[in-house]
N, C-alpha and C. Protein backbone atom coordinates (compact mmCIF):
# COMPACT_ATOMS: atom_id res chain seq x y z
N MET A 1 132.29 90.55 95.42
CA MET A 1 131.35 90.12 96.26
C MET A 1 130.02 91.35 96.00
N SER A 2 128.79 91.43 95.22
CA SER A 2 128.03 92.12 95.45
C SER A 2 127.20 92.32 96.72
N LEU A 3 126.41 93.60 97.23
CA LEU A 3 126.38 93.79 98.52
C LEU A 3 124.54 94.13 98.77
N LYS A 4 123.90 94.23 99.59
CA LYS A 4 122.56 94.22 99.20
C LYS A 4 122.26 95.04 100.57
N ILE A 5 121.78 95.94 100.22
CA ILE A 5 120.87 96.41 102.02
C ILE A 5 119.46 95.50 101.10
N ARG A 6 119.02 95.09 101.90
CA ARG A 6 117.49 94.67 101.55
C ARG A 6 116.87 94.27 102.81
N LEU A 7 115.23 93.27 102.79
CA LEU A 7 114.39 93.41 103.64
C LEU A 7 114.56 91.91 104.06
N SER A 8 114.16 91.20 104.88
CA SER A 8 114.97 89.86 105.32
C SER A 8 113.20 89.79 105.84
N ARG A 9 112.60 89.13 105.68
CA ARG A 9 111.10 88.49 106.51
C ARG A 9 111.28 87.74 107.82
N TRP A 10 110.85 88.29 108.57
CA TRP A 10 110.53 87.88 110.08
C TRP A 10 109.05 88.21 110.37
N GLY A 11 108.55 87.34 111.24
CA GLY A 11 107.43 87.70 112.19
C GLY A 11 106.28 86.30 111.52
N ALA A 12 105.30 86.04 112.24
CA ALA A 12 104.20 85.09 111.79
C ALA A 12 103.42 85.22 110.86
N LYS A 13 102.74 84.11 110.21
CA LYS A 13 102.40 84.36 109.19
C LYS A 13 100.88 85.98 109.22
N LYS A 14 100.86 86.97 107.99
CA LYS A 14 100.17 87.87 108.24
C LYS A 14 100.17 88.53 109.09
N HIS A 15 101.54 88.75 109.56
CA HIS A 15 102.03 89.59 110.49
C HIS A 15 103.35 89.47 109.67
N PRO A 16 103.61 90.30 109.44
CA PRO A 16 104.97 90.32 108.68
C PRO A 16 105.79 91.75 109.65
N HIS A 17 107.08 91.21 109.60
CA HIS A 17 107.82 92.33 110.73
C HIS A 17 109.70 91.99 109.32
N TYR A 18 110.03 93.04 109.48
CA TYR A 18 111.36 92.91 108.82
C TYR A 18 112.32 93.98 109.27
N ARG A 19 113.47 92.90 108.57
CA ARG A 19 114.54 93.03 109.67
C ARG A 19 115.77 93.76 107.86
N ILE A 20 116.35 95.07 108.61
CA ILE A 20 116.83 95.88 107.06
C ILE A 20 118.72 95.21 107.46
N VAL A 21 119.11 94.38 106.79
CA VAL A 21 120.32 93.57 106.62
C VAL A 21 121.11 94.05 105.08
N ILE A 22 122.87 93.86 105.26
CA ILE A 22 123.67 94.09 104.53
C ILE A 22 123.59 92.57 103.90
N ALA A 23 123.55 92.18 102.86
CA ALA A 23 123.99 90.76 102.68
C ALA A 23 124.72 90.78 101.03
N ASP A 24 124.77 89.66 100.60
CA ASP A 24 125.40 88.82 99.61
C ASP A 24 124.04 88.71 98.58
N ALA A 25 124.26 89.60 97.82
CA ALA A 25 123.30 89.49 96.85
C ALA A 25 122.47 88.20 96.19
N ARG A 26 123.65 87.22 96.19
CA ARG A 26 123.40 85.59 95.71
C ARG A 26 122.46 84.86 96.92
N ALA A 27 123.30 85.57 98.19
CA ALA A 27 121.94 84.75 99.51
C ALA A 27 120.82 85.09 99.43
N PRO A 28 120.38 83.91 99.91
CA PRO A 28 118.73 83.20 99.74
C PRO A 28 117.66 84.98 100.90
N ARG A 29 117.02 84.85 100.84
CA ARG A 29 116.46 86.67 101.52
C ARG A 29 116.26 86.30 102.64
N ASP A 30 115.51 84.94 103.74
CA ASP A 30 115.66 85.39 104.81
C ASP A 30 117.25 84.26 105.57
N GLY A 31 118.03 84.33 104.34
CA GLY A 31 119.23 83.37 105.07
C GLY A 31 120.27 84.22 105.73
N ARG A 32 121.61 83.51 105.06
CA ARG A 32 122.36 84.76 105.61
C ARG A 32 122.68 85.57 105.39
N PHE A 33 123.54 86.94 106.21
CA PHE A 33 123.60 88.00 106.19
C PHE A 33 124.80 88.51 107.14
N ILE A 34 125.03 89.75 106.73
CA ILE A 34 126.34 89.74 107.23
C ILE A 34 126.55 91.04 108.34
N GLU A 35 125.33 91.77 108.16
CA GLU A 35 124.93 92.50 109.16
C GLU A 35 123.22 93.48 109.45
N LYS A 36 123.32 93.24 110.34
CA LYS A 36 121.93 93.52 110.54
C LYS A 36 121.50 95.35 111.04
N ILE A 37 121.29 96.19 110.37
CA ILE A 37 120.75 97.36 110.80
C ILE A 37 119.77 98.16 110.78
N GLY A 38 118.66 97.69 110.95
CA GLY A 38 117.43 98.27 111.24
C GLY A 38 116.63 97.10 111.46
N THR A 39 115.10 97.63 111.81
CA THR A 39 113.52 96.70 111.68
C THR A 39 112.69 97.63 110.83
N PHE A 40 112.20 96.77 110.21
CA PHE A 40 111.10 97.55 109.29
C PHE A 40 109.35 96.89 109.72
N ASP A 41 108.58 97.80 110.39
CA ASP A 41 107.26 96.99 111.18
C ASP A 41 106.16 97.55 109.89
N PRO A 42 105.96 97.10 108.79
CA PRO A 42 104.65 97.58 107.67
C PRO A 42 103.61 97.58 108.41
N LEU A 43 102.62 96.63 109.82
CA LEU A 43 101.62 97.39 110.21
C LEU A 43 102.05 98.39 110.85
N LYS A 44 102.14 99.17 111.48
CA LYS A 44 102.50 100.46 112.10
C LYS A 44 102.07 101.30 111.34
N LYS A 45 101.69 102.72 111.87
CA LYS A 45 101.05 103.84 110.89
C LYS A 45 102.57 104.26 110.88
N ARG A 46 101.83 104.90 109.63
CA ARG A 46 102.95 105.68 108.72
C ARG A 46 103.79 106.84 110.13
N ASP A 47 103.10 107.77 110.65
CA ASP A 47 104.16 108.10 111.23
C ASP A 47 104.10 108.03 112.30
N ASP A 48 103.83 106.74 113.03
CA ASP A 48 104.79 106.56 114.67
C ASP A 48 106.04 106.41 114.18
N ALA A 49 106.67 106.64 115.38
CA ALA A 49 108.21 106.25 115.07
C ALA A 49 109.00 105.26 114.86
N ALA A 50 108.21 103.32 115.94
CA ALA A 50 108.89 102.63 115.69
C ALA A 50 108.55 102.02 114.75
N ARG A 51 108.10 102.22 113.63
CA ARG A 51 107.34 101.44 112.12
C ARG A 51 109.25 101.18 111.70
N LEU A 52 109.93 101.89 111.32
CA LEU A 52 110.87 102.17 111.30
C LEU A 52 112.20 102.50 111.85
N SER A 53 112.78 101.38 112.43
CA SER A 53 114.06 101.63 113.20
C SER A 53 115.33 101.31 112.13
N LEU A 54 116.38 102.34 112.00
CA LEU A 54 117.87 102.51 111.17
C LEU A 54 118.74 102.58 111.90
N ASP A 55 119.74 102.50 112.51
CA ASP A 55 121.42 102.63 112.43
C ASP A 55 122.16 103.60 110.81
N VAL A 56 121.84 104.71 111.49
CA VAL A 56 122.00 105.69 110.25
C VAL A 56 123.51 105.77 109.74
N GLU A 57 124.47 105.61 110.88
CA GLU A 57 125.87 105.78 110.59
C GLU A 57 126.39 104.48 109.62
N LYS A 58 125.71 102.76 110.29
CA LYS A 58 126.24 101.93 109.69
C LYS A 58 125.93 102.18 108.08
N THR A 59 124.54 102.03 107.65
CA THR A 59 123.69 102.58 106.51
C THR A 59 124.74 103.52 105.64
N LYS A 60 125.31 104.83 106.41
CA LYS A 60 125.89 105.16 105.74
C LYS A 60 127.30 104.57 105.03
N GLU A 61 127.86 103.96 106.18
CA GLU A 61 129.36 103.10 105.99
C GLU A 61 128.89 102.08 104.67
N TRP A 62 127.99 101.63 105.46
CA TRP A 62 127.82 100.57 104.37
C TRP A 62 127.28 100.93 102.52
N LEU A 63 127.02 102.38 102.18
CA LEU A 63 126.31 102.29 101.20
C LEU A 63 127.84 103.04 100.99
N ALA A 64 128.90 103.75 101.34
CA ALA A 64 130.13 104.27 101.18
C ALA A 64 131.29 102.88 100.35
N LYS A 65 130.86 102.12 101.16
CA LYS A 65 131.65 100.64 100.69
C LYS A 65 130.76 99.91 99.66
N GLY A 66 129.81 100.87 98.66
CA GLY A 66 129.03 99.90 97.18
C GLY A 66 127.87 98.96 97.75
N ALA A 67 127.91 99.33 98.84
CA ALA A 67 126.64 97.87 98.87
C ALA A 67 124.76 98.62 98.30
N GLN A 68 123.80 98.12 97.67
CA GLN A 68 122.84 99.10 96.95
C GLN A 68 121.79 98.35 97.26
N PRO A 69 121.17 99.32 98.03
CA PRO A 69 120.09 99.30 98.52
C PRO A 69 118.42 98.72 97.34
N THR A 70 117.97 97.62 97.73
CA THR A 70 117.32 97.59 97.13
C THR A 70 115.54 98.37 96.34
N ASP A 71 114.57 98.45 96.02
CA ASP A 71 113.97 99.28 95.68
C ASP A 71 113.21 100.04 96.97
N ARG A 72 112.23 99.03 97.81
CA ARG A 72 112.04 99.08 98.79
C ARG A 72 112.85 99.84 99.71
N VAL A 73 113.56 99.45 100.24
CA VAL A 73 114.90 99.64 100.91
C VAL A 73 114.83 100.97 100.35
N LEU A 74 115.27 101.29 99.15
CA LEU A 74 115.30 102.73 98.41
C LEU A 74 114.27 103.75 99.07
N ARG A 75 112.99 102.96 99.05
CA ARG A 75 112.05 103.91 99.62
C ARG A 75 111.99 104.45 100.82
N LEU A 76 112.77 103.63 101.58
CA LEU A 76 112.90 104.13 103.29
C LEU A 76 113.73 105.29 103.48
N LEU A 77 115.22 104.80 102.99
CA LEU A 77 115.81 105.97 102.85
C LEU A 77 115.81 107.22 102.25
N ASP A 78 115.04 107.23 101.10
CA ASP A 78 114.76 108.42 100.94
C ASP A 78 114.10 109.15 101.52
N GLY A 79 112.80 108.39 102.73
CA GLY A 79 111.74 108.80 103.89
C GLY A 79 112.67 109.29 105.05
N LEU A 80 114.26 108.96 104.60
CA LEU A 80 114.61 109.86 105.94
C LEU A 80 115.61 110.77 105.63
N GLY A 81 115.77 110.57 104.15
CA GLY A 81 116.83 111.69 104.05
C GLY A 81 117.89 111.24 103.39
N LEU A 82 118.35 109.54 102.74
CA LEU A 82 120.02 109.30 103.01
C LEU A 82 120.23 109.38 101.42
N MET A 83 118.58 108.99 100.71
CA MET A 83 118.79 108.69 99.25
C MET A 83 117.72 110.06 98.99
N LYS A 84 118.29 110.22 97.09
CA LYS A 84 117.54 110.49 96.56
C LYS A 84 116.97 109.49 95.38
N ARG A 85 115.74 108.70 95.85
CA ARG A 85 114.86 108.04 94.84
C ARG A 85 113.98 108.41 93.61
N GLU A 86 114.22 108.55 92.76
CA GLU A 86 113.60 109.10 91.40
C GLU A 86 112.15 108.52 90.98
N ALA A 87 111.09 109.26 90.96
CA ALA A 87 109.59 108.81 90.66
C ALA A 87 109.72 107.74 89.45
N GLN A 88 108.77 106.71 89.53
CA GLN A 88 108.69 105.84 88.27
C GLN A 88 107.71 106.27 87.80
N ASN A 89 107.50 106.17 86.68
CA ASN A 89 106.32 106.71 85.89
C ASN A 89 105.94 105.42 84.91
N ASN A 90 105.32 104.32 84.60
CA ASN A 90 105.17 103.69 83.44
C ASN A 90 104.07 103.22 82.82
N PRO A 91 103.43 105.12 81.89
CA PRO A 91 101.93 105.55 80.66
C PRO A 91 101.48 104.04 80.40
N GLU A 92 101.93 102.68 80.09
CA GLU A 92 102.18 101.85 79.06
C GLU A 92 100.93 100.67 79.96
N LYS A 93 101.52 100.91 81.54
CA LYS A 93 100.68 100.32 81.67
C LYS A 93 99.27 100.43 83.03
N ALA A 94 99.00 101.64 82.32
CA ALA A 94 97.79 101.96 82.79
C ALA A 94 97.14 102.31 81.19
N LYS A 95 97.92 101.82 80.52
CA LYS A 95 96.85 101.64 79.27
C LYS A 95 96.28 100.43 78.64
N PRO A 96 94.33 100.15 78.48
CA PRO A 96 93.78 99.41 78.84
C PRO A 96 94.78 97.47 77.70
N LYS A 97 94.56 96.51 78.27
CA LYS A 97 94.95 95.67 77.08
C LYS A 97 94.17 95.52 75.98
N LYS A 98 94.59 94.29 75.70
CA LYS A 98 93.91 93.88 74.53
C LYS A 98 92.05 93.38 74.21
N LYS A 99 91.77 93.30 75.31
CA LYS A 99 90.10 92.54 74.83
C LYS A 99 89.59 93.59 75.94
N ALA A 100 89.92 94.56 76.62
CA ALA A 100 89.61 95.64 76.92
C ALA A 100 88.95 96.94 75.58
N GLN A 101 90.09 96.60 74.79
CA GLN A 101 90.23 98.09 73.21
C GLN A 101 89.10 97.30 72.23
N GLU A 102 89.18 96.25 72.84
CA GLU A 102 87.66 95.49 71.52
C GLU A 102 86.45 95.34 72.47
N ARG A 103 86.41 95.70 73.53
CA ARG A 103 84.64 95.82 74.32
C ARG A 103 85.01 98.06 73.93
N ILE A 104 86.08 98.41 74.10
CA ILE A 104 85.44 99.60 73.90
C ILE A 104 85.21 100.45 72.28
N VAL A 105 86.07 99.46 71.57
CA VAL A 105 85.62 99.94 70.01
C VAL A 105 84.18 99.16 69.42
N ALA A 106 83.87 97.89 70.61
CA ALA A 106 82.79 97.25 69.80
C ALA A 106 81.16 98.61 70.96
N ALA A 107 81.68 98.75 71.82
CA ALA A 107 80.87 99.38 72.48
C ALA A 107 80.55 100.72 71.81
N ALA A 108 81.72 101.27 71.02
CA ALA A 108 81.46 103.05 70.15
C ALA A 108 80.45 102.39 68.92
N ALA A 109 81.23 101.09 68.46
CA ALA A 109 79.84 100.52 67.25
C ALA A 109 78.76 101.02 67.39
N ALA A 110 78.09 100.17 68.55
CA ALA A 110 76.95 100.03 69.11
C ALA A 110 76.61 101.86 69.08
N ALA A 111 76.67 102.13 70.11
CA ALA A 111 76.67 103.70 70.61
C ALA A 111 76.24 104.36 68.89
N GLU A 112 77.01 104.30 68.21
CA GLU A 112 77.37 104.59 66.11
C GLU A 112 75.97 104.66 65.67
N LYS A 113 75.68 102.81 65.89
CA LYS A 113 74.39 101.98 65.26
C LYS A 113 72.94 102.88 66.18
N ALA A 114 73.30 102.63 66.80
CA ALA A 114 72.08 103.41 67.67
C ALA A 114 71.85 104.49 67.66
N ALA A 115 72.50 105.54 67.44
CA ALA A 115 72.26 106.77 67.62
C ALA A 115 71.75 107.46 65.43
N GLU A 116 72.30 105.79 65.16
CA GLU A 116 71.59 105.94 63.83
C GLU A 116 70.09 105.39 63.38
N ALA A 117 70.09 104.17 63.65
CA ALA A 117 68.41 103.93 64.12
C ALA A 117 67.07 105.11 63.76
N PRO A 118 67.58 105.52 64.74
CA PRO A 118 66.55 106.67 65.29
C PRO A 118 66.37 108.02 64.39
N ALA A 119 67.10 107.79 64.41
CA ALA A 119 67.67 109.36 62.55
C ALA A 119 66.57 108.56 61.29
N ALA A 120 67.16 107.65 61.12
CA ALA A 120 66.44 107.03 59.87
C ALA A 120 65.00 107.03 60.12
């Protein structure tokens, strides 16, 4: 059985509140879970102590048993110093897409023509 440490959404519409749970990877996001180990409230300020409450001992036990945290939970654990999250970088994502590249080429061509016209 593959175990995940993940967020399970609770709270009202547009007011998210999450439980940090240990669940089977095949179980639904808000469905069956094995154990609740903490809570996360993203609407509170980052420096607020009540934003993240986590049972550190239980978390360490489940990590030792082989539970894998999701990316968001890994970010939270990295903030507490329990695990190290490698910084991710995707330089391809920042590049302009096909249509934007075409517009850049067209603008450069138009600027070239404009530069030639007054010189002639």
